Amino acid sequence: MSPPIRRTWAPRGRTPVLRYRFHWQRVSAAGFLCYRADGGRARLYLHTQPGSYTSEILIPALRALHRRLRAPVVLIWDGLTCHWSHKMAAFIGSQKWLQVERLPGYAPDLNPCEGLWANLQGR
């Protein structure tokens, strides 16, 4: 997730230098778009993680989301490896507040977070 390169204006012959503070070699982000059943109060929660997500990192993030929302959670998931692990399957099966809906193999147009990532990367 390095900063995007964009066109900008500068005096002729002076190449603009864009500085940024970025120390992670790689960062992963989990986006939680939350809606109430009545369609009101939409919220966005982001969880960032240096490196890649694993089941050991994602399970506490889901528990924290549940504590924050204090409501049942319906999760729409793509095919990320840690979404399909045995440890994650055992966790999902043991939680009554959590329902998981899986997306087809490659369906970014069905995933509401894909539009979010495109918007964030474009700004």
C-alpha atoms as a PDB file:
ATOM      1  CA  MET A   1       0.000   0.000   0.000  1.00  0.00           C
ATOM      2  CA  SER A   2       2.502   2.569  -1.110  1.00  0.00           C
ATOM      3  CA  PRO A   3       1.162   6.027  -1.932  1.00  0.00           C
ATOM      4  CA  PRO A   4      -0.470   6.290  -5.346  1.00  0.00           C
ATOM      5  CA  ILE A   5       1.348   8.185  -8.066  1.00  0.00           C
ATOM      6  CA  ARG A   6      -0.733  10.982  -9.530  1.00  0.00           C
ATOM      7  CA  ARG A   7      -0.190  13.814 -11.933  1.00  0.00           C
ATOM      8  CA  THR A   8       0.411  17.190 -10.386  1.00  0.00           C
ATOM      9  CA  TRP A   9       1.421  20.697 -11.416  1.00  0.00           C
ATOM     10  CA  ALA A  10       4.876  22.215 -11.000  1.00  0.00           C
ATOM     11  CA  PRO A  11       6.921  24.937 -12.683  1.00  0.00           C
ATOM     12  CA  ARG A  12       8.524  23.787 -15.926  1.00  0.00           C
ATOM     13  CA  GLY A  13      11.814  22.033 -15.291  1.00  0.00           C
ATOM     14  CA  ARG A  14      11.146  21.393 -11.578  1.00  0.00           C
ATOM     15  CA  THR A  15       9.972  17.878 -10.855  1.00  0.00           C
ATOM     16  CA  PRO A  16       7.728  17.833  -7.773  1.00  0.00           C
ATOM     17  CA  VAL A  17       8.888  15.664  -4.883  1.00  0.00           C
ATOM     18  CA  LEU A  18       6.111  14.115  -2.832  1.00  0.00           C
ATOM     19  CA  ARG A  19       7.167  13.098   0.669  1.00  0.00           C
ATOM     20  CA  TYR A  20       5.296  10.654   2.836  1.00  0.00           C
ATOM     21  CA  ARG A  21       5.811   8.851   6.128  1.00  0.00           C
ATOM     22  CA  PHE A  22       5.452   5.175   5.595  1.00  0.00           C
ATOM     23  CA  HIS A  23       7.442   2.628   7.565  1.00  0.00           C
ATOM     24  CA  TRP A  24       5.716  -0.690   7.004  1.00  0.00           C
ATOM     25  CA  GLN A  25       7.017  -2.913   4.261  1.00  0.00           C
ATOM     26  CA  ARG A  26       3.508  -4.293   3.810  1.00  0.00           C
ATOM     27  CA  VAL A  27       0.187  -3.493   5.418  1.00  0.00           C
ATOM     28  CA  SER A  28      -3.070  -5.391   5.200  1.00  0.00           C
ATOM     29  CA  ALA A  29      -6.457  -3.908   5.982  1.00  0.00           C
ATOM     30  CA  ALA A  30      -9.780  -5.493   6.842  1.00  0.00           C
ATOM     31  CA  GLY A  31     -12.814  -3.356   6.166  1.00  0.00           C
ATOM     32  CA  PHE A  32     -16.077  -3.871   8.006  1.00  0.00           C
ATOM     33  CA  LEU A  33     -19.039  -2.077   6.439  1.00  0.00           C
ATOM     34  CA  CYS A  34     -21.778  -2.216   9.046  1.00  0.00           C
ATOM     35  CA  TYR A  35     -25.458  -1.559   8.470  1.00  0.00           C
ATOM     36  CA  ARG A  36     -28.419  -1.812  10.785  1.00  0.00           C
ATOM     37  CA  ALA A  37     -31.271  -4.103   9.768  1.00  0.00           C
ATOM     38  CA  ASP A  38     -33.511  -1.060   9.200  1.00  0.00           C
ATOM     39  CA  GLY A  39     -30.942   0.467   6.820  1.00  0.00           C
ATOM     40  CA  GLY A  40     -29.929   3.287   9.152  1.00  0.00           C
ATOM     41  CA  ARG A  41     -26.609   4.277  10.707  1.00  0.00           C
ATOM     42  CA  ALA A  42     -24.100   2.798   8.304  1.00  0.00           C
ATOM     43  CA  ARG A  43     -20.602   2.640   9.752  1.00  0.00           C
ATOM     44  CA  LEU A  44     -17.146   1.736   8.556  1.00  0.00           C
ATOM     45  CA  TYR A  45     -14.576   0.017  10.738  1.00  0.00           C
ATOM     46  CA  LEU A  46     -11.024  -0.576   9.516  1.00  0.00           C
ATOM     47  CA  HIS A  47      -8.522  -2.937  11.040  1.00  0.00           C
ATOM     48  CA  THR A  48      -4.935  -2.615   9.818  1.00  0.00           C
ATOM     49  CA  GLN A  49      -2.208  -5.141  10.292  1.00  0.00           C
ATOM     50  CA  PRO A  50       1.504  -5.053   9.387  1.00  0.00           C
ATOM     51  CA  GLY A  51       2.074  -8.092   7.199  1.00  0.00           C
ATOM     52  CA  SER A  52      -0.601 -10.540   6.161  1.00  0.00           C
ATOM     53  CA  TYR A  53      -3.758 -11.601   7.955  1.00  0.00           C
ATOM     54  CA  THR A  54      -3.941 -14.978   9.625  1.00  0.00           C
ATOM     55  CA  SER A  55      -6.724 -16.676  11.535  1.00  0.00           C
ATOM     56  CA  GLU A  56      -4.937 -15.840  14.810  1.00  0.00           C
ATOM     57  CA  ILE A  57      -5.182 -12.125  13.984  1.00  0.00           C
ATOM     58  CA  LEU A  58      -8.613 -12.084  12.342  1.00  0.00           C
ATOM     59  CA  ILE A  59     -10.478 -13.930  15.119  1.00  0.00           C
ATOM     60  CA  PRO A  60      -9.705 -11.276  17.797  1.00  0.00           C
ATOM     61  CA  ALA A  61     -10.631  -8.557  15.273  1.00  0.00           C
ATOM     62  CA  LEU A  62     -14.042 -10.202  14.768  1.00  0.00           C
ATOM     63  CA  ARG A  63     -14.543 -10.481  18.528  1.00  0.00           C
ATOM     64  CA  ALA A  64     -13.694  -6.782  18.928  1.00  0.00           C
ATOM     65  CA  LEU A  65     -16.182  -5.919  16.167  1.00  0.00           C
ATOM     66  CA  HIS A  66     -18.905  -7.891  17.959  1.00  0.00           C
ATOM     67  CA  ARG A  67     -18.148  -6.140  21.270  1.00  0.00           C
ATOM     68  CA  ARG A  68     -18.338  -2.794  19.489  1.00  0.00           C
ATOM     69  CA  LEU A  69     -21.598  -3.483  17.644  1.00  0.00           C
ATOM     70  CA  ARG A  70     -23.361  -5.516  20.352  1.00  0.00           C
ATOM     71  CA  ALA A  71     -25.501  -7.116  17.669  1.00  0.00           C
ATOM     72  CA  PRO A  72     -25.520 -10.205  15.463  1.00  0.00           C
ATOM     73  CA  VAL A  73     -23.030 -10.002  12.588  1.00  0.00           C
ATOM     74  CA  VAL A  74     -23.522 -11.215   9.015  1.00  0.00           C
ATOM     75  CA  LEU A  75     -20.135 -11.474   7.326  1.00  0.00           C
ATOM     76  CA  ILE A  76     -19.707 -11.447   3.537  1.00  0.00           C
ATOM     77  CA  TRP A  77     -16.379 -13.044   2.728  1.00  0.00           C
ATOM     78  CA  ASP A  78     -14.253 -13.615  -0.320  1.00  0.00           C
ATOM     79  CA  GLY A  79     -11.730 -16.410  -0.782  1.00  0.00           C
ATOM     80  CA  LEU A  80      -8.859 -15.168   1.419  1.00  0.00           C
ATOM     81  CA  THR A  81      -6.922 -18.147   2.774  1.00  0.00           C
ATOM     82  CA  CYS A  82      -7.482 -17.340   6.449  1.00  0.00           C
ATOM     83  CA  HIS A  83     -11.245 -17.144   5.803  1.00  0.00           C
ATOM     84  CA  TRP A  84     -11.216 -20.841   4.882  1.00  0.00           C
ATOM     85  CA  SER A  85      -8.859 -22.251   7.537  1.00  0.00           C
ATOM     86  CA  HIS A  86      -9.863 -25.053   9.918  1.00  0.00           C
ATOM     87  CA  LYS A  87      -9.312 -22.768  12.909  1.00  0.00           C
ATOM     88  CA  MET A  88     -11.622 -20.113  11.421  1.00  0.00           C
ATOM     89  CA  ALA A  89     -14.264 -22.727  10.573  1.00  0.00           C
ATOM     90  CA  ALA A  90     -14.211 -23.951  14.179  1.00  0.00           C
ATOM     91  CA  PHE A  91     -14.538 -20.374  15.452  1.00  0.00           C
ATOM     92  CA  ILE A  92     -17.449 -19.584  13.125  1.00  0.00           C
ATOM     93  CA  GLY A  93     -19.254 -22.780  14.112  1.00  0.00           C
ATOM     94  CA  SER A  94     -18.981 -21.967  17.812  1.00  0.00           C
ATOM     95  CA  GLN A  95     -20.373 -18.399  17.582  1.00  0.00           C
ATOM     96  CA  LYS A  96     -24.150 -17.948  17.534  1.00  0.00           C
ATOM     97  CA  TRP A  97     -23.891 -14.208  16.802  1.00  0.00           C
ATOM     98  CA  LEU A  98     -21.911 -14.769  13.592  1.00  0.00           C
ATOM     99  CA  GLN A  99     -23.324 -15.771  10.205  1.00  0.00           C
ATOM    100  CA  VAL A 100     -21.019 -16.067   7.184  1.00  0.00           C
ATOM    101  CA  GLU A 101     -21.990 -15.715   3.533  1.00  0.00           C
ATOM    102  CA  ARG A 102     -19.299 -16.658   1.012  1.00  0.00           C
ATOM    103  CA  LEU A 103     -18.754 -14.904  -2.289  1.00  0.00           C
ATOM    104  CA  PRO A 104     -17.986 -16.846  -5.478  1.00  0.00           C
ATOM    105  CA  GLY A 105     -14.335 -17.402  -6.410  1.00  0.00           C
ATOM    106  CA  TYR A 106     -13.723 -14.088  -8.155  1.00  0.00           C
ATOM    107  CA  ALA A 107     -16.540 -11.606  -7.758  1.00  0.00           C
ATOM    108  CA  PRO A 108     -15.225  -8.125  -6.873  1.00  0.00           C
ATOM    109  CA  ASP A 109     -18.432  -6.551  -8.170  1.00  0.00           C
ATOM    110  CA  LEU A 110     -20.388  -8.371  -5.429  1.00  0.00           C
ATOM    111  CA  ASN A 111     -18.024  -7.346  -2.620  1.00  0.00           C
ATOM    112  CA  PRO A 112     -19.033  -3.955  -1.145  1.00  0.00           C
ATOM    113  CA  CYS A 113     -15.531  -3.389   0.255  1.00  0.00           C
ATOM    114  CA  GLU A 114     -13.951  -3.408  -3.221  1.00  0.00           C
ATOM    115  CA  GLY A 115     -15.553  -0.038  -3.990  1.00  0.00           C
ATOM    116  CA  LEU A 116     -14.241   1.234  -0.656  1.00  0.00           C
ATOM    117  CA  TRP A 117     -10.658   0.139  -1.453  1.00  0.00           C
ATOM    118  CA  ALA A 118     -10.843   1.716  -4.915  1.00  0.00           C
ATOM    119  CA  ASN A 119     -12.055   4.988  -3.404  1.00  0.00           C
ATOM    120  CA  LEU A 120      -9.357   5.016  -0.703  1.00  0.00           C
ATOM    121  CA  GLN A 121      -6.569   4.242  -3.165  1.00  0.00           C
ATOM    122  CA  GLY A 122      -7.753   6.981  -5.496  1.00  0.00           C
ATOM    123  CA  ARG A 123      -7.524   9.701  -2.838  1.00  0.00           C
END
